[in-house]
Amino acid sequence: MNTQLAPVQGSHEHPPQPERLPETHPVRRVGALDRAAMHLGVALIHWGRRPAKARRRPRPMLAPESIEARRELDRVRDQYLVLKLTQFR
């Protein structure tokens, strides 16, 4: 094989640019108040996303009056049904 590659002569920029010096930017520091506010915000986000468990409530107890009223209602209904059945015989 007689193919010869061209030698590398350095980098070329297209279009050619004049030599530039890297620009220096002043370093901005974060203050203690800003850092504390950021930590508080992150803590609030974590607290807001916590898993919430529903509190188990004890089963409500019926008042004795309502239990007695239910029994009375059942007794009167049974009497009515017995009376109704005896009329059709």
Protein backbone atom coordinates (compact mmCIF):
# COMPACT_ATOMS: atom_id res chain seq x y z
CA MET A 1 0.00 0.00 0.00
CA ASN A 2 1.52 3.27 -1.08
CA THR A 3 -0.94 5.69 0.59
CA GLN A 4 0.71 8.18 2.87
CA LEU A 5 -1.27 10.25 5.39
CA ALA A 6 -0.69 13.95 5.71
CA PRO A 7 1.27 14.91 8.80
CA VAL A 8 -0.66 16.55 11.66
CA GLN A 9 0.38 20.19 11.95
CA GLY A 10 -1.59 21.33 14.98
CA SER A 11 -5.18 22.40 15.45
CA HIS A 12 -6.89 24.73 13.03
CA GLU A 13 -9.90 26.76 13.96
CA HIS A 14 -12.43 27.64 11.30
CA PRO A 15 -12.94 30.51 10.89
CA PRO A 16 -9.59 31.54 12.29
CA GLN A 17 -9.86 33.25 15.68
CA PRO A 18 -7.39 35.62 17.25
CA GLU A 19 -5.57 34.30 20.28
CA ARG A 20 -7.81 34.62 23.33
CA LEU A 21 -6.94 34.57 26.92
CA PRO A 22 -9.36 32.70 29.17
CA GLU A 23 -11.81 35.09 30.77
CA THR A 24 -11.70 35.20 34.51
CA HIS A 25 -14.95 35.53 36.43
CA PRO A 26 -15.05 36.59 40.04
CA VAL A 27 -16.02 33.70 42.29
CA ARG A 28 -19.32 34.29 44.05
CA ARG A 29 -19.52 32.93 47.55
CA VAL A 30 -22.74 31.72 49.10
CA GLY A 31 -23.50 33.43 52.40
CA ALA A 32 -24.41 31.63 55.60
CA LEU A 33 -27.96 32.96 55.46
CA ASP A 34 -28.46 31.66 51.92
CA ARG A 35 -27.05 28.27 52.90
CA ALA A 36 -29.33 28.05 55.95
CA ALA A 37 -32.37 29.01 53.85
CA MET A 38 -31.51 26.31 51.31
CA HIS A 39 -31.17 23.64 54.03
CA LEU A 40 -34.46 24.73 55.58
CA GLY A 41 -36.19 24.51 52.20
CA VAL A 42 -34.85 21.01 51.54
CA ALA A 43 -35.87 19.91 55.05
CA LEU A 44 -39.40 21.23 54.48
CA ILE A 45 -39.65 19.36 51.18
CA HIS A 46 -38.54 16.13 52.88
CA TRP A 47 -40.99 16.69 55.71
CA GLY A 48 -43.84 17.35 53.26
CA ARG A 49 -43.16 14.12 51.39
CA ARG A 50 -43.06 11.89 54.46
CA PRO A 51 -45.37 8.89 54.40
CA ALA A 52 -48.52 9.64 56.32
CA LYS A 53 -50.17 6.92 58.35
CA ALA A 54 -53.84 7.24 59.09
CA ARG A 55 -54.62 7.13 62.77
CA ARG A 56 -56.84 4.26 63.74
CA ARG A 57 -59.91 5.45 65.49
CA PRO A 58 -61.63 3.27 68.03
CA ARG A 59 -64.93 1.97 66.83
CA PRO A 60 -67.67 4.21 68.15
CA MET A 61 -69.82 2.65 70.82
CA LEU A 62 -73.54 3.01 70.45
CA ALA A 63 -75.33 4.72 73.25
CA PRO A 64 -77.48 2.44 75.42
CA GLU A 65 -80.52 4.49 74.44
CA SER A 66 -80.01 3.76 70.76
CA ILE A 67 -79.53 0.04 71.45
CA GLU A 68 -82.75 -0.02 73.45
CA ALA A 69 -84.58 1.93 70.72
CA ARG A 70 -83.43 -0.58 68.09
CA ARG A 71 -84.67 -3.48 70.22
CA GLU A 72 -88.04 -1.78 70.69
CA LEU A 73 -88.32 -1.13 66.95
CA ASP A 74 -87.57 -4.81 66.21
CA ARG A 75 -90.13 -5.95 68.79
CA VAL A 76 -92.89 -3.73 67.37
CA ARG A 77 -92.08 -4.80 63.80
CA ASP A 78 -92.23 -8.49 64.80
CA GLN A 79 -95.62 -7.95 66.46
CA TYR A 80 -96.90 -6.23 63.31
CA LEU A 81 -95.67 -9.06 61.07
CA VAL A 82 -97.24 -11.72 63.31
CA LEU A 83 -100.54 -9.81 63.31
CA LYS A 84 -100.43 -9.43 59.53
CA LEU A 85 -99.72 -13.17 59.02
CA THR A 86 -102.59 -14.23 61.30
CA GLN A 87 -105.09 -12.06 59.39
CA PHE A 88 -104.47 -13.86 56.07
CA ARG A 89 -105.09 -17.35 57.51
